[in-house]
Protein backbone atom coordinates (compact mmCIF):
# COMPACT_ATOMS: atom_id res chain seq x y z
CA MET A 1 -6.77 1.72 32.12
CA LYS A 2 -4.71 1.06 28.93
CA ILE A 3 -2.44 4.28 30.29
CA LEU A 4 -1.88 3.03 33.91
CA ARG A 5 -0.77 -0.13 32.05
CA LYS A 6 2.21 1.82 29.64
CA ILE A 7 3.42 4.03 32.79
CA PHE A 8 3.56 0.96 34.87
CA PHE A 9 5.63 -0.39 31.87
CA VAL A 10 7.91 1.94 31.18
CA TYR A 11 8.76 2.19 35.11
CA ILE A 12 9.41 -1.64 35.42
CA SER A 13 11.26 -1.44 32.46
CA SER A 14 13.69 1.35 33.06
CA LYS A 15 14.56 -0.31 36.19
CA LEU A 16 15.17 -3.71 35.12
CA LEU A 17 17.53 -2.70 31.94
CA LYS A 18 19.96 -2.09 34.74
CA TYR A 19 20.36 -5.83 35.20
CA ASN A 20 20.18 -7.06 31.58
CA ASN A 21 23.53 -6.22 30.18
CA HIS A 22 24.64 -9.78 28.94
CA LEU A 23 22.72 -10.01 25.93
CA THR A 24 24.74 -10.25 22.47
CA PHE A 25 22.36 -9.47 19.07
CA ASN A 26 24.69 -10.47 16.49
CA ASP A 27 23.74 -12.81 13.53
CA LEU A 28 19.92 -11.32 13.44
CA ASN A 29 19.83 -9.84 10.06
CA PHE A 30 17.23 -11.76 8.27
CA LYS A 31 16.81 -8.67 5.65
CA LYS A 32 15.10 -9.91 1.78
CA LEU A 33 14.02 -7.16 0.19
CA ASP A 34 15.43 -3.09 0.66
CA PHE A 35 12.05 -1.13 0.91
CA THR A 36 14.54 2.00 2.67
CA ASN A 37 13.28 5.19 0.52
CA TYR A 38 17.03 6.27 0.02
CA LYS A 39 15.70 9.75 -1.44
CA GLN A 40 13.78 10.93 1.47
CA ILE A 41 16.17 10.57 4.12
CA LYS A 42 19.13 12.13 2.19
CA ASN A 43 17.01 15.10 2.53
CA PHE A 44 16.96 15.19 6.27
CA ILE A 45 19.65 12.76 7.56
CA PHE A 46 22.93 15.07 7.21
CA LYS A 47 21.02 17.92 9.20
CA GLU A 48 21.74 19.05 12.99
CA ASP A 49 19.50 17.03 15.66
CA PHE A 50 17.49 15.41 12.84
CA HIS A 51 16.61 12.38 15.13
CA LYS A 52 14.08 15.14 16.90
CA LEU A 53 12.06 15.33 13.55
CA LYS A 54 8.41 14.03 13.83
CA ASN A 55 8.48 12.04 10.77
CA ARG A 56 8.37 8.17 10.16
CA TYR A 57 11.73 7.77 8.66
CA VAL A 58 13.11 9.19 11.84
CA GLN A 59 10.65 7.32 14.75
CA SER A 60 10.81 4.08 12.64
CA PHE A 61 15.32 4.13 12.90
CA GLU A 62 14.74 3.62 9.15
CA PHE A 63 17.71 5.98 8.63
CA LEU A 64 19.83 3.43 9.98
CA ASN A 65 19.87 1.89 6.65
CA PHE A 66 20.96 5.08 4.77
CA SER A 67 23.94 5.28 7.36
CA LYS A 68 24.99 1.54 6.83
CA ASN A 69 24.52 1.73 2.99
CA LEU A 70 27.11 5.52 3.33
CA GLY A 71 29.50 3.23 5.75
CA GLY A 72 32.91 4.42 7.34
CA LYS A 73 32.94 6.63 10.57
CA LEU A 74 30.34 8.96 9.37
CA GLY A 75 27.75 6.17 8.91
CA ILE A 76 28.54 4.75 12.31
CA ASN A 77 28.56 8.15 14.06
CA LEU A 78 25.32 9.22 12.52
CA SER A 79 23.70 6.05 14.01
CA LYS A 80 24.81 6.02 17.22
CA VAL A 81 24.46 9.45 18.14
CA SER A 82 21.17 9.66 16.80
CA ILE A 83 20.00 6.44 18.77
CA LEU A 84 21.26 7.25 21.84
CA GLU A 85 20.09 10.58 22.07
CA TRP A 86 16.66 10.05 20.60
CA PHE A 87 16.44 7.22 23.71
CA VAL A 88 17.12 9.84 26.07
CA ILE A 89 14.46 11.75 24.80
CA ASN A 90 11.80 9.60 24.11
CA LYS A 91 12.24 6.91 26.44
CA LYS A 92 9.65 7.72 29.03
CA LYS A 93 6.91 8.82 26.41
CA ILE A 94 3.81 6.94 26.68
CA GLY A 95 2.07 7.91 23.14
CA TYR A 96 3.52 8.94 20.23
CA PRO A 97 6.75 7.41 19.34
CA TRP A 98 5.42 4.19 20.34
CA THR A 99 1.95 4.12 18.74
CA GLU A 100 1.24 1.90 15.78
CA ASP A 101 4.38 -0.74 14.75
CA LEU A 102 7.08 2.04 15.05
CA SER A 103 8.65 0.41 17.95
CA SER A 104 8.78 -2.70 16.50
CA LYS A 105 9.86 -0.73 13.20
CA ARG A 106 12.65 0.44 15.45
CA LEU A 107 13.69 -2.76 16.96
CA ILE A 108 14.07 -4.46 13.70
CA ASN A 109 16.46 -2.08 12.30
CA LEU A 110 18.50 -1.84 15.39
CA LEU A 111 19.05 -5.60 15.08
CA TYR A 112 19.12 -5.67 11.22
CA ASN A 113 21.97 -3.03 11.37
CA TYR A 114 23.63 -4.35 15.22
CA GLU A 115 26.58 -5.70 13.74
CA PHE A 116 27.27 -2.26 11.92
CA ILE A 117 26.33 0.20 14.16
CA ASN A 118 28.22 -1.68 16.89
CA SER A 119 31.75 -2.04 14.75
CA SER A 120 33.67 0.63 16.73
CA SER A 121 31.87 0.77 19.72
CA THR A 122 33.34 0.96 23.20
CA ILE A 123 32.18 -1.63 25.94
CA ASN A 124 29.74 1.44 27.41
CA GLU A 125 28.29 1.85 23.93
CA THR A 126 27.77 -1.89 23.39
CA LYS A 127 26.16 -1.98 26.82
CA LEU A 128 23.93 1.23 26.39
CA LEU A 129 22.87 0.18 22.71
CA ASN A 130 21.85 -3.36 24.08
CA LYS A 131 19.91 -1.77 27.37
CA ILE A 132 17.82 0.00 23.74
CA ILE A 133 17.58 -3.15 22.19
CA LEU A 134 16.20 -4.67 25.48
CA PHE A 135 13.71 -2.02 26.47
CA HIS A 136 12.03 -1.89 22.90
CA MET A 137 11.98 -6.23 22.93
CA ASN A 138 10.14 -5.84 26.24
CA ARG A 139 8.03 -2.94 24.67
CA VAL A 140 7.23 -4.72 21.73
CA MET A 141 5.86 -8.06 23.51
CA PHE A 142 4.01 -5.89 26.01
CA ASP A 143 2.25 -4.26 22.79
CA PHE A 144 1.62 -7.02 21.26
CA ARG A 145 -0.34 -8.77 24.19
CA HIS A 146 -2.60 -5.42 24.48
CA LYS A 147 -3.35 -4.99 20.71
CA ASN A 148 -6.10 -6.00 18.80
CA ILE A 149 -5.59 -8.29 15.58
CA ASP A 150 -6.12 -5.65 13.01
CA GLU A 151 -4.03 -3.45 14.74
CA ILE A 152 -0.46 -6.03 14.57
CA THR A 153 1.42 -5.64 11.51
CA SER A 154 3.88 -7.89 9.96
CA TYR A 155 6.46 -5.62 11.38
CA ASP A 156 4.95 -6.72 14.92
CA LEU A 157 5.06 -10.08 13.69
CA ILE A 158 9.03 -10.10 13.33
CA ALA A 159 10.06 -7.84 16.23
CA HIS A 160 7.79 -9.93 18.29
CA THR A 161 8.97 -13.28 17.32
CA LEU A 162 12.70 -12.11 17.21
CA SER A 163 11.84 -10.80 20.45
CA ILE A 164 10.26 -14.04 22.18
CA PHE A 165 13.11 -16.09 20.74
CA VAL A 166 15.89 -14.14 22.03
CA LEU A 167 14.87 -13.52 25.29
CA ASP A 168 13.86 -17.12 25.50
CA LYS A 169 10.00 -16.52 26.24
CA ASN A 170 8.85 -18.87 23.47
CA ASN A 171 5.25 -19.87 23.96
CA ASP A 172 3.43 -21.88 21.51
CA LYS A 173 0.55 -19.83 22.29
CA TYR A 174 1.75 -16.87 20.73
CA ILE A 175 4.17 -18.54 17.70
CA ASN A 176 0.38 -20.87 16.63
CA TYR A 177 -1.13 -16.91 16.61
CA LEU A 178 1.15 -16.48 13.27
CA ASP A 179 -1.30 -18.11 11.78
CA LEU A 180 -4.49 -16.29 12.31
CA ILE A 181 -2.75 -13.11 12.10
CA ILE A 182 -2.02 -13.94 8.25
CA ASN A 183 -5.26 -15.13 7.42
CA ASN A 184 -6.85 -12.60 8.88
CA GLN A 185 -4.82 -10.01 6.78
CA ILE A 186 -4.92 -11.30 3.60
CA ASP A 187 -8.24 -12.74 1.65
CA SER A 188 -8.75 -15.90 0.33
CA LEU A 189 -6.91 -15.16 -3.28
CA GLY A 190 -3.84 -14.43 -1.20
CA MET A 191 -4.09 -10.72 -1.46
CA HIS A 192 -3.48 -8.41 1.50
CA LYS A 193 -6.35 -6.35 2.23
CA SER A 194 -4.92 -2.78 2.46
CA TYR A 195 -5.09 -3.56 -1.76
CA ASN A 196 -2.16 -1.76 -2.23
CA ILE A 197 0.06 -3.99 -4.31
CA LEU A 198 3.17 -2.64 -2.25
CA GLU A 199 2.31 -3.22 0.75
CA HIS A 200 1.57 -6.62 -0.89
CA ALA A 201 4.50 -7.08 -1.22
CA LYS A 202 6.30 -5.58 1.90
CA PHE A 203 4.27 -8.51 3.75
CA LEU A 204 4.83 -11.16 1.50
CA ASN A 205 8.48 -9.84 2.38
CA ASN A 206 8.23 -9.93 5.85
CA ILE A 207 6.58 -12.97 6.44
CA SER A 208 9.46 -14.74 4.25
CA GLU A 209 11.50 -12.91 7.14
CA LEU A 210 9.65 -14.37 9.50
CA LYS A 211 10.14 -18.00 8.16
CA ASN A 212 13.65 -17.74 8.09
CA ILE A 213 13.69 -16.50 11.36
CA CYS A 214 11.54 -19.12 13.01
CA LEU A 215 14.04 -21.84 10.80
CA TYR A 216 17.14 -20.12 12.47
CA PHE A 217 15.68 -20.54 15.90
CA LYS A 218 14.74 -24.26 14.97
CA TYR A 219 10.88 -23.76 15.22
CA THR A 220 8.94 -25.19 12.05
CA ILE A 221 6.07 -22.69 10.97
CA SER A 222 2.78 -24.15 9.67
CA ASN A 223 1.49 -25.15 6.60
CA ASP A 224 -0.96 -22.90 6.50
CA VAL A 225 1.95 -20.03 6.78
CA GLU A 226 3.75 -21.72 4.08
CA GLU A 227 0.54 -21.99 1.48
CA SER A 228 -0.01 -18.13 2.33
CA ILE A 229 3.41 -17.57 1.44
CA PHE A 230 3.11 -19.35 -2.55
CA LYS A 231 -0.66 -17.42 -2.58
CA MET A 232 0.79 -13.93 -2.06
CA LYS A 233 3.80 -15.00 -4.61
CA SER A 234 1.94 -16.36 -7.58
CA LEU A 235 -0.72 -13.10 -7.05
CA LEU A 236 1.90 -10.86 -6.34
CA ASN A 237 3.54 -12.36 -9.75
CA GLU A 238 0.42 -10.90 -12.17
CA TYR A 239 0.46 -7.68 -10.90
CA PHE A 240 2.58 -5.47 -13.24
CA HIS A 241 1.76 -3.64 -16.07
CA PHE A 242 4.04 -4.28 -19.77
CA ASP A 243 5.94 -1.47 -18.51
CA GLY A 244 6.83 -3.39 -15.17
CA SER A 245 5.02 -1.00 -12.92
CA ILE A 246 2.40 -1.75 -10.58
CA PRO A 247 -1.35 -0.49 -10.26
CA LEU A 248 -1.63 2.63 -8.75
CA PHE A 249 -4.19 1.88 -6.25
CA ASN A 250 -4.53 2.53 -2.45
CA GLY A 251 -1.66 4.04 -1.98
CA ALA A 252 0.70 2.28 -3.87
CA ASN A 253 4.52 3.66 -5.65
CA ASN A 254 6.70 2.07 -7.80
CA ASN A 255 9.75 3.24 -5.81
CA TYR A 256 10.68 -0.11 -5.48
CA THR A 257 9.04 -2.07 -7.92
CA LYS A 258 12.17 -2.98 -9.65
CA THR A 259 13.55 -5.26 -6.85
CA ILE A 260 10.00 -6.79 -6.11
CA TYR A 261 9.85 -8.15 -10.16
CA GLU A 262 13.65 -9.20 -9.73
CA SER A 263 13.08 -10.83 -6.67
CA LEU A 264 9.71 -12.83 -8.31
CA ASN A 265 11.84 -13.30 -11.34
CA LYS A 266 14.49 -15.35 -9.38
CA ASP A 267 12.17 -17.41 -7.24
CA GLU A 268 10.01 -20.38 -8.64
CA PHE A 269 8.03 -20.18 -11.83
CA PHE A 270 4.39 -19.23 -10.94
CA LYS A 271 1.79 -20.74 -13.65
CA SER A 272 -0.63 -17.56 -14.98
CA ARG A 273 -3.94 -17.23 -12.68
CA SER A 274 -7.02 -16.69 -13.90
CA PHE A 275 -8.48 -15.37 -10.16
CA SER A 276 -11.85 -15.24 -11.73
CA GLU A 277 -13.29 -16.05 -8.44
CA THR A 278 -12.54 -12.51 -7.03
CA LYS A 279 -15.44 -10.62 -5.41
CA ASN A 280 -13.37 -8.44 -3.59
CA GLY A 281 -10.41 -6.58 -3.80
CA LEU A 282 -8.42 -5.59 -7.56
CA ALA A 283 -9.86 -7.75 -10.32
CA PHE A 284 -7.38 -8.12 -13.09
CA TYR A 285 -7.55 -8.90 -16.74
CA SER A 286 -4.30 -10.24 -18.89
CA SER A 287 -3.74 -11.52 -22.13
CA LYS A 288 -0.43 -10.84 -24.54
CA THR A 289 -1.55 -7.84 -25.53
CA LYS A 290 -3.46 -6.15 -22.63
CA LYS A 291 -4.04 -5.54 -18.93
CA LEU A 292 -6.54 -3.92 -16.83
CA PHE A 293 -7.08 -3.47 -13.14
CA PHE A 294 -10.08 -2.61 -11.99
CA ASP A 295 -11.12 -1.72 -8.22
CA VAL A 296 -14.14 -3.17 -6.67
CA VAL A 297 -12.71 -3.17 -2.99
CA GLN A 298 -15.24 -3.20 0.22
CA PRO A 299 -13.88 -0.95 2.18
CA LYS A 300 -14.60 -2.02 6.06
CA LYS A 301 -14.86 -0.74 9.60
CA ASN A 302 -10.48 -1.79 10.66
CA LYS A 303 -6.98 -1.05 10.97
CA ILE A 304 -6.06 -2.49 8.02
CA SER A 305 -8.87 -0.34 5.36
CA GLN A 306 -7.79 2.65 7.02
CA ASN A 307 -5.56 3.92 4.44
CA LEU A 308 -7.74 2.85 1.20
CA SER A 309 -8.19 5.47 -1.07
CA ALA A 310 -11.56 6.69 -2.42
CA GLY A 311 -11.21 5.19 -5.76
CA THR A 312 -14.24 2.34 -5.87
CA LEU A 313 -14.46 1.13 -9.36
CA ALA A 314 -11.80 2.95 -10.93
CA PHE A 315 -9.52 1.13 -13.15
CA GLU A 316 -5.77 1.35 -15.24
CA PHE A 317 -4.89 -0.30 -18.74
CA SER A 318 -1.68 -0.95 -20.11
CA CYS A 319 -1.52 -2.72 -24.05
CA LEU A 320 1.34 -3.24 -26.26
CA GLY A 321 3.70 -2.31 -23.72
CA GLU A 322 2.60 0.62 -22.30
CA LYS A 323 0.41 2.08 -19.61
CA ILE A 324 -3.02 4.17 -21.19
CA ILE A 325 -5.18 5.28 -18.10
CA THR A 326 -3.68 5.06 -14.59
CA ASN A 327 -4.61 6.61 -11.30
CA CYS A 328 -2.76 9.54 -9.94
CA GLY A 329 -0.48 7.71 -7.74
CA ALA A 330 0.84 8.52 -4.51
CA SER A 331 4.21 9.66 -2.45
CA GLU A 332 6.07 8.50 0.49
CA SER A 333 6.54 12.47 1.37
CA LEU A 334 7.29 12.40 5.55
CA GLY A 335 5.97 8.95 5.03
CA ARG A 336 2.47 8.96 4.27
CA ASN A 337 0.46 9.66 1.63
CA PRO A 338 -1.21 12.96 1.03
CA GLU A 339 -4.99 13.05 1.49
CA TYR A 340 -5.69 14.55 -1.96
CA LEU A 341 -3.95 11.91 -3.50
CA ARG A 342 -6.38 9.38 -2.15
CA TYR A 343 -9.17 11.60 -3.44
CA SER A 344 -11.57 10.10 -5.87
CA ALA A 345 -10.52 13.11 -8.01
CA ALA A 346 -7.09 11.32 -8.51
CA HIS A 347 -8.40 7.80 -9.93
CA SER A 348 -9.82 7.11 -13.35
CA THR A 349 -13.20 6.42 -11.95
CA ILE A 350 -17.00 7.76 -11.86
CA ILE A 351 -17.63 10.84 -9.16
CA VAL A 352 -20.45 12.79 -7.97
CA GLN A 353 -20.95 16.49 -6.74
CA ASN A 354 -16.90 16.95 -6.58
CA THR A 355 -17.28 14.45 -3.36
CA ASN A 356 -15.23 11.67 -2.41
CA VAL A 357 -17.33 8.04 -3.17
CA SER A 358 -15.34 7.10 0.75
CA GLU A 359 -13.83 9.20 3.65
CA ILE A 360 -11.46 5.97 4.84
CA ARG A 361 -10.17 8.13 8.00
CA GLU A 362 -12.38 8.93 11.13
CA SER A 363 -14.48 11.74 11.02
CA ASN A 364 -16.41 13.03 13.82
CA HIS A 365 -15.95 9.32 15.43
CA HIS A 366 -17.68 7.58 12.55
CA LEU A 367 -16.08 5.81 9.27
CA LYS A 368 -17.80 6.88 5.34
CA TYR A 369 -17.82 4.30 2.87
CA PRO A 370 -19.96 2.38 0.12
CA GLN A 371 -21.98 0.08 2.34
CA TYR A 372 -21.58 -2.66 -0.67
CA VAL A 373 -19.20 -2.91 -3.36
CA SER A 374 -19.96 -5.68 -5.94
CA PHE A 375 -18.69 -6.86 -8.76
CA HIS A 376 -18.71 -9.96 -11.46
CA LYS A 377 -16.81 -10.97 -14.40
CA ASN A 378 -18.40 -13.25 -17.32
CA ILE A 379 -16.58 -14.69 -20.50
CA SER A 380 -18.89 -14.34 -24.06
CA ASN A 381 -17.98 -14.23 -27.53
CA LYS A 382 -13.92 -13.64 -27.12
CA ASN A 383 -14.81 -11.37 -24.85
CA THR A 384 -14.55 -10.66 -20.93
CA PHE A 385 -16.69 -8.44 -19.02
CA PHE A 386 -15.91 -6.77 -15.70
CA GLU A 387 -19.17 -5.01 -14.20
CA GLY A 388 -19.14 -3.20 -11.06
CA SER A 389 -21.38 -1.06 -8.88
CA HIS A 390 -21.33 0.88 -5.08
CA ASN A 391 -24.19 2.54 -3.21
CA GLY A 392 -21.16 5.46 -1.69
CA TYR A 393 -23.17 8.32 -2.86
CA GLN A 394 -26.65 6.80 -1.96
CA LYS A 395 -27.01 8.07 1.70
CA LYS A 396 -25.72 11.90 0.66
CA PHE A 397 -26.82 12.18 -2.79
CA ASN A 398 -29.38 9.29 -3.86
CA LYS A 399 -27.30 7.91 -6.63
CA ILE A 400 -26.21 4.24 -7.09
CA ILE A 401 -22.96 3.99 -9.40
CA LYS A 402 -22.42 1.20 -11.95
CA ARG A 403 -19.51 0.44 -14.22
CA LYS A 404 -19.23 -1.82 -17.17
CA ILE A 405 -16.32 -2.65 -19.27
CA GLU A 406 -16.09 -4.93 -21.77
CA ILE A 407 -12.15 -6.02 -23.09
CA SER A 408 -12.22 -7.56 -26.05
CA ASP A 409 -9.92 -10.72 -26.44
CA ASP A 410 -8.70 -10.60 -30.29
CA LYS A 411 -8.51 -6.45 -30.18
CA ASN A 412 -6.44 -3.46 -28.63
CA LYS A 413 -10.11 -2.30 -27.18
CA ILE A 414 -12.21 -1.91 -24.27
CA ILE A 415 -15.73 -0.60 -23.98
CA GLY A 416 -17.20 0.98 -21.20
CA LYS A 417 -20.96 1.94 -19.92
CA ASP A 418 -20.86 4.18 -16.34
CA THR A 419 -24.80 4.72 -15.24
CA ILE A 420 -25.51 6.78 -12.26
CA ILE A 421 -28.92 5.99 -10.79
CA SER A 422 -31.13 8.21 -9.20
CA VAL A 423 -32.89 5.83 -6.34
CA LYS A 424 -35.40 8.96 -5.41
CA ASN A 425 -37.01 11.64 -7.24
CA ASN A 426 -35.63 15.12 -7.03
CA ASN A 427 -34.80 18.54 -8.52
CA ASP A 428 -31.56 19.17 -7.14
CA ARG A 429 -28.83 19.70 -9.30
CA ILE A 430 -26.15 16.71 -9.21
CA ILE A 431 -23.30 17.17 -11.54
CA TYR A 432 -20.84 14.25 -12.16
CA HIS A 433 -17.36 13.60 -13.77
CA ILE A 434 -16.19 10.76 -15.36
CA ARG A 435 -12.50 10.39 -15.23
CA PHE A 436 -9.28 8.88 -17.22
CA HIS A 437 -6.21 9.88 -16.37
CA LEU A 438 -3.47 9.33 -18.58
CA ALA A 439 -0.05 8.36 -18.77
CA PRO A 440 2.63 10.88 -19.05
CA ASN A 441 3.67 12.05 -22.31
CA MET A 442 0.75 11.63 -24.61
CA SER A 443 -0.15 13.97 -27.64
CA TYR A 444 -3.93 14.45 -28.58
CA ASN A 445 -6.47 15.88 -30.58
CA PHE A 446 -10.17 16.33 -30.97
CA THR A 447 -12.01 15.08 -33.86
CA ASN A 448 -16.13 14.75 -34.37
CA GLY A 449 -16.84 17.76 -32.32
CA MET A 450 -15.56 17.31 -28.84
CA LYS A 451 -16.90 13.40 -28.39
CA ASN A 452 -14.02 11.79 -30.11
CA ILE A 453 -10.13 12.28 -29.21
CA ILE A 454 -6.87 10.79 -30.82
CA LEU A 455 -4.47 10.06 -28.86
CA LYS A 456 -0.85 9.29 -29.18
CA THR A 457 1.21 7.48 -26.62
CA LYS A 458 4.87 7.49 -25.93
CA LEU A 459 5.60 4.74 -28.08
CA ASP A 460 3.93 6.12 -30.65
CA ASN A 461 0.38 4.16 -30.79
CA ILE A 462 -2.45 5.57 -32.26
CA TRP A 463 -5.61 5.41 -29.73
CA LEU A 464 -9.19 6.76 -30.21
CA PHE A 465 -11.39 7.29 -27.37
CA LYS A 466 -14.96 7.92 -28.44
CA CYS A 467 -17.80 9.15 -26.16
CA ASP A 468 -21.77 9.56 -26.45
CA ALA A 469 -21.00 13.21 -25.11
CA GLU A 470 -18.54 15.87 -25.37
CA VAL A 471 -15.39 15.44 -23.79
CA VAL A 472 -12.53 17.64 -22.63
CA ILE A 473 -9.02 17.60 -21.54
CA GLU A 474 -7.87 18.73 -18.00
CA ASP A 475 -4.74 18.85 -17.11
CA SER A 476 -3.49 16.22 -14.15
CA ILE A 477 -0.19 14.11 -12.65
CA LEU A 478 1.06 11.31 -11.88
CA VAL A 479 3.13 10.63 -8.90
CA ASP A 480 5.99 7.94 -9.11
CA ASN A 481 9.17 7.54 -7.50
CA ASN A 482 8.21 10.71 -5.50
CA THR A 483 8.33 12.61 -8.69
CA THR A 484 5.51 14.59 -9.84
CA ILE A 485 4.72 14.28 -13.27
CA PRO A 486 2.32 16.79 -15.57
CA THR A 487 0.24 15.04 -17.90
CA LYS A 488 -3.37 15.14 -18.78
CA GLN A 489 -6.69 13.72 -18.19
CA ILE A 490 -10.06 13.24 -20.08
CA VAL A 491 -13.07 14.30 -18.13
CA LEU A 492 -16.89 13.69 -19.25
CA LYS A 493 -19.16 16.46 -17.10
CA GLY A 494 -22.74 17.46 -16.77
CA VAL A 495 -25.84 17.65 -14.69
CA ILE A 496 -27.55 14.17 -13.75
CA ASN A 497 -31.17 15.43 -14.66
CA THR A 498 -33.01 11.85 -15.39
CA ASN A 499 -33.67 9.15 -13.40
CA LYS A 500 -30.87 6.91 -15.12
CA LEU A 501 -27.56 8.61 -16.72
CA ILE A 502 -25.80 6.53 -19.04
CA LYS A 503 -22.61 7.23 -20.70
CA THR A 504 -20.78 4.75 -22.81
CA TRP A 505 -17.01 5.35 -23.54
CA SER A 506 -14.43 3.13 -25.81
CA LEU A 507 -10.79 3.37 -26.20
CA GLU A 508 -9.71 1.71 -29.34
CA LYS A 509 -5.84 1.49 -30.90
CA ILE A 510 -6.18 2.53 -34.65
């Protein structure tokens, strides 16, 4: 039925376009922050027929931002030729590239770059460009009405809002829908439910753009939307390491961190918040010298959760201006994070039988992830305790995982206790790994046999890692700013031969 509706839409729209050449789209650039990956786009934009490439930078028309930045006749011609030829190829297609929020992203990039693209156009070129925009507006409004609430992204919100205002199809029913969608995608603390700090920043930026769009068209947004913006800003302000980077969970990277950070500094001052009521998400501890981020996300069966990594109970730790423990990061190659960077092994966490704790993507029409993830935070005697657990390995391996991290308020020290509990007696040979991915440019030496490791950081700080069992050092990587940096990881590994395996460790500056 959906396919038939889309076919009918494409047919009708192609007919109506002939009679809608009167519209102009000037003064519709509401861009605040620039999240264009110029490095990736530079790799293909000068290639012949690049508009035929099936990557998200092309299919979202993000290359228009590169062309505008390039400027001059070359930038304008790259834009116009690519748009027109792309539309001839794709205008009658039903599926990709009209899936997800690609239509919305194309429309936004067309409108935000309209004056640049059209700066040296003939009358016929302007008419054709307007037809393409109008086609996208109608398609965005059609798709918006037929999407589930979890499928509607912040780009869909911007594109749909611009479309109904420009085409004078404003209906309070659709505008008021903003509140419902926004509240559906952020949690009670103000965190975007992707639990990816970069996606959180993008969502916040888009909602801020949406606010300006509504003001431009003299529409007052609700107090709930205003409150959501403030909560998201306030929370984002806390989610930076001391080196200015963001924590690398669920596909986050630092390609745009400087822009995000500077934007926050230019905005209102946000009083530090404890967020002690965290039940689901990225819990954090912050002091003058230490920061720790802890993944206690409870995955759900929805679109918002589909790109979560398998990093449950992973953590990142920074101290005295530099990161010590990290995750492997993420890449934006071709617009998507590679699968291997989503694996449990790419995170500083506990792993059973070399198996991912969760497979968020669909497999055989069902989703696999922990059915419960619990978290508790306690403060006692100037120490803060993070306690998390999950059952992601119970169904396949009969194991429950628990992690407890104690953070000393007055010392540069953390203490960990990792527990693997067998819920059934069995004689299966099950192996475990506990991984601690180290920040780059750290040297190491073993002491006390193979149980202690002395670490020297990039800033010449000395740390002692201690464990109640032998540990090894293995190669690792950090992928950030689309660059793969070789580094090391501390690994505890062995066979689970008891009903309750407990491993304790500590990391202390000496």
